[in-house]
N, C-alpha and C. Protein backbone atom coordinates (compact mmCIF):
# COMPACT_ATOMS: atom_id res chain seq x y z
N MET A 1 -4.32 -5.46 4.47
CA MET A 1 -2.91 -5.51 4.17
C MET A 1 -2.47 -6.97 4.06
N LYS A 2 -1.51 -7.25 3.22
CA LYS A 2 -1.02 -8.60 3.01
C LYS A 2 -0.23 -9.08 4.23
N LYS A 3 -0.23 -10.39 4.41
CA LYS A 3 0.62 -11.01 5.41
C LYS A 3 1.40 -12.12 4.71
N TYR A 4 2.63 -12.29 5.13
CA TYR A 4 3.49 -13.31 4.54
C TYR A 4 3.97 -14.27 5.62
N LYS A 5 3.94 -15.57 5.28
CA LYS A 5 4.54 -16.59 6.13
C LYS A 5 5.91 -16.88 5.53
N ILE A 6 6.95 -16.61 6.30
CA ILE A 6 8.32 -16.74 5.82
C ILE A 6 9.01 -17.85 6.60
N VAL A 7 9.72 -18.72 5.88
CA VAL A 7 10.50 -19.79 6.51
C VAL A 7 11.90 -19.73 5.91
N GLN A 8 12.90 -19.69 6.78
CA GLN A 8 14.28 -19.72 6.31
C GLN A 8 14.65 -21.17 6.03
N VAL A 9 15.04 -21.47 4.78
CA VAL A 9 15.34 -22.84 4.39
C VAL A 9 16.83 -23.07 4.11
N LYS A 10 17.60 -21.98 4.01
CA LYS A 10 19.05 -22.10 3.82
C LYS A 10 19.74 -21.25 4.88
N SER A 11 20.92 -21.69 5.27
CA SER A 11 21.66 -21.04 6.34
C SER A 11 22.24 -19.69 5.91
N GLY A 12 22.41 -18.81 6.88
CA GLY A 12 23.05 -17.52 6.65
C GLY A 12 24.55 -17.57 6.82
N ILE A 13 25.08 -18.74 7.21
CA ILE A 13 26.52 -18.89 7.40
C ILE A 13 27.22 -18.70 6.06
N GLY A 14 28.26 -17.89 6.06
CA GLY A 14 29.02 -17.64 4.84
C GLY A 14 28.41 -16.59 3.94
N ARG A 15 27.31 -16.00 4.35
CA ARG A 15 26.65 -14.95 3.57
C ARG A 15 27.19 -13.58 4.00
N PRO A 16 27.05 -12.58 3.16
CA PRO A 16 27.48 -11.24 3.55
C PRO A 16 26.73 -10.75 4.79
N ASP A 17 27.39 -9.91 5.57
CA ASP A 17 26.82 -9.41 6.81
C ASP A 17 25.49 -8.70 6.59
N ARG A 18 25.34 -8.03 5.47
CA ARG A 18 24.08 -7.33 5.17
C ARG A 18 22.91 -8.31 5.08
N GLN A 19 23.13 -9.47 4.46
CA GLN A 19 22.08 -10.48 4.35
C GLN A 19 21.76 -11.09 5.71
N LYS A 20 22.78 -11.31 6.54
CA LYS A 20 22.55 -11.84 7.88
C LYS A 20 21.70 -10.88 8.70
N ARG A 21 22.01 -9.57 8.61
CA ARG A 21 21.23 -8.57 9.35
C ARG A 21 19.81 -8.47 8.83
N THR A 22 19.60 -8.70 7.53
CA THR A 22 18.25 -8.68 6.96
C THR A 22 17.42 -9.84 7.50
N LEU A 23 18.03 -11.02 7.63
CA LEU A 23 17.32 -12.17 8.19
C LEU A 23 16.89 -11.89 9.63
N ILE A 24 17.78 -11.28 10.40
CA ILE A 24 17.45 -10.95 11.79
C ILE A 24 16.34 -9.91 11.84
N ALA A 25 16.38 -8.93 10.95
CA ALA A 25 15.36 -7.88 10.91
C ALA A 25 13.99 -8.45 10.56
N LEU A 26 13.95 -9.52 9.79
CA LEU A 26 12.68 -10.16 9.44
C LEU A 26 12.17 -11.05 10.58
N GLY A 27 12.99 -11.24 11.61
CA GLY A 27 12.57 -12.05 12.75
C GLY A 27 12.93 -13.52 12.62
N LEU A 28 13.80 -13.84 11.68
CA LEU A 28 14.20 -15.23 11.46
C LEU A 28 15.44 -15.54 12.29
N ARG A 29 15.31 -16.48 13.21
CA ARG A 29 16.41 -16.82 14.11
C ARG A 29 16.99 -18.20 13.80
N LYS A 30 16.13 -19.16 13.45
CA LYS A 30 16.58 -20.53 13.21
C LYS A 30 15.96 -21.05 11.91
N LEU A 31 16.57 -22.08 11.36
CA LEU A 31 16.06 -22.68 10.13
C LEU A 31 14.71 -23.35 10.39
N ASN A 32 13.86 -23.32 9.39
CA ASN A 32 12.56 -24.01 9.38
C ASN A 32 11.60 -23.56 10.48
N ARG A 33 11.76 -22.35 10.97
CA ARG A 33 10.83 -21.78 11.94
C ARG A 33 10.03 -20.70 11.24
N PRO A 34 8.72 -20.89 11.06
CA PRO A 34 7.93 -19.90 10.33
C PRO A 34 7.71 -18.61 11.13
N VAL A 35 7.64 -17.51 10.40
CA VAL A 35 7.35 -16.19 10.96
C VAL A 35 6.31 -15.55 10.06
N VAL A 36 5.28 -14.95 10.65
CA VAL A 36 4.27 -14.24 9.89
C VAL A 36 4.51 -12.75 10.07
N VAL A 37 4.67 -12.03 8.93
CA VAL A 37 4.94 -10.60 8.97
C VAL A 37 3.92 -9.86 8.10
N GLU A 38 3.64 -8.63 8.48
CA GLU A 38 2.74 -7.77 7.70
C GLU A 38 3.49 -7.29 6.45
N GLY A 39 2.81 -7.28 5.33
CA GLY A 39 3.42 -6.83 4.09
C GLY A 39 3.45 -5.32 4.01
N SER A 40 4.62 -4.78 3.71
CA SER A 40 4.80 -3.36 3.45
C SER A 40 5.91 -3.26 2.41
N PRO A 41 6.09 -2.12 1.80
CA PRO A 41 7.17 -2.00 0.81
C PRO A 41 8.54 -2.33 1.41
N GLN A 42 8.76 -1.96 2.68
CA GLN A 42 10.04 -2.23 3.32
C GLN A 42 10.25 -3.72 3.53
N VAL A 43 9.22 -4.40 4.01
CA VAL A 43 9.32 -5.84 4.25
C VAL A 43 9.46 -6.60 2.94
N GLU A 44 8.73 -6.20 1.92
CA GLU A 44 8.84 -6.86 0.62
C GLU A 44 10.23 -6.67 0.03
N GLY A 45 10.85 -5.53 0.27
CA GLY A 45 12.22 -5.30 -0.19
C GLY A 45 13.21 -6.19 0.54
N MET A 46 13.00 -6.38 1.84
CA MET A 46 13.89 -7.26 2.61
C MET A 46 13.73 -8.71 2.15
N ILE A 47 12.48 -9.13 1.91
CA ILE A 47 12.24 -10.48 1.42
C ILE A 47 12.93 -10.68 0.07
N ASN A 48 12.84 -9.69 -0.80
CA ASN A 48 13.45 -9.79 -2.12
C ASN A 48 14.98 -9.86 -2.03
N ALA A 49 15.57 -9.21 -1.03
CA ALA A 49 17.03 -9.19 -0.89
C ALA A 49 17.59 -10.55 -0.50
N VAL A 50 16.81 -11.36 0.21
CA VAL A 50 17.30 -12.66 0.68
C VAL A 50 16.38 -13.80 0.23
N LYS A 51 15.68 -13.61 -0.88
CA LYS A 51 14.70 -14.62 -1.33
C LYS A 51 15.33 -15.96 -1.65
N HIS A 52 16.63 -15.99 -1.94
CA HIS A 52 17.29 -17.25 -2.24
C HIS A 52 17.51 -18.10 -0.98
N LEU A 53 17.26 -17.54 0.20
CA LEU A 53 17.39 -18.27 1.46
C LEU A 53 16.04 -18.62 2.08
N LEU A 54 14.96 -18.15 1.46
CA LEU A 54 13.64 -18.24 2.08
C LEU A 54 12.64 -19.03 1.26
N HIS A 55 11.57 -19.44 1.95
CA HIS A 55 10.36 -19.93 1.30
C HIS A 55 9.25 -19.00 1.79
N VAL A 56 8.54 -18.35 0.87
CA VAL A 56 7.56 -17.33 1.23
C VAL A 56 6.18 -17.74 0.71
N GLU A 57 5.17 -17.62 1.58
CA GLU A 57 3.78 -17.86 1.19
C GLU A 57 2.96 -16.65 1.62
N GLU A 58 1.99 -16.29 0.81
CA GLU A 58 1.06 -15.25 1.21
C GLU A 58 -0.06 -15.89 2.02
N VAL A 59 -0.34 -15.33 3.18
CA VAL A 59 -1.33 -15.88 4.11
C VAL A 59 -2.62 -15.09 3.97
N SER A 60 -3.74 -15.82 3.88
CA SER A 60 -5.02 -15.14 3.85
C SER A 60 -5.37 -14.67 5.26
N GLU A 61 -6.01 -13.53 5.33
CA GLU A 61 -6.29 -12.92 6.64
C GLU A 61 -7.50 -13.48 7.29
């Protein structure tokens, strides 16, 4: 299964509440702190919803 390294590079301040909750659901709490998550259709959908706030890399297993 794919793994993604996600880093939040833009703030969630001033964003709609739905986007803020998506960032929290992905495990992103602070800017520039990487999180590694397992790829699934649900996670890929969440990444796509807030991709303008993130930097995403696919991690080799």
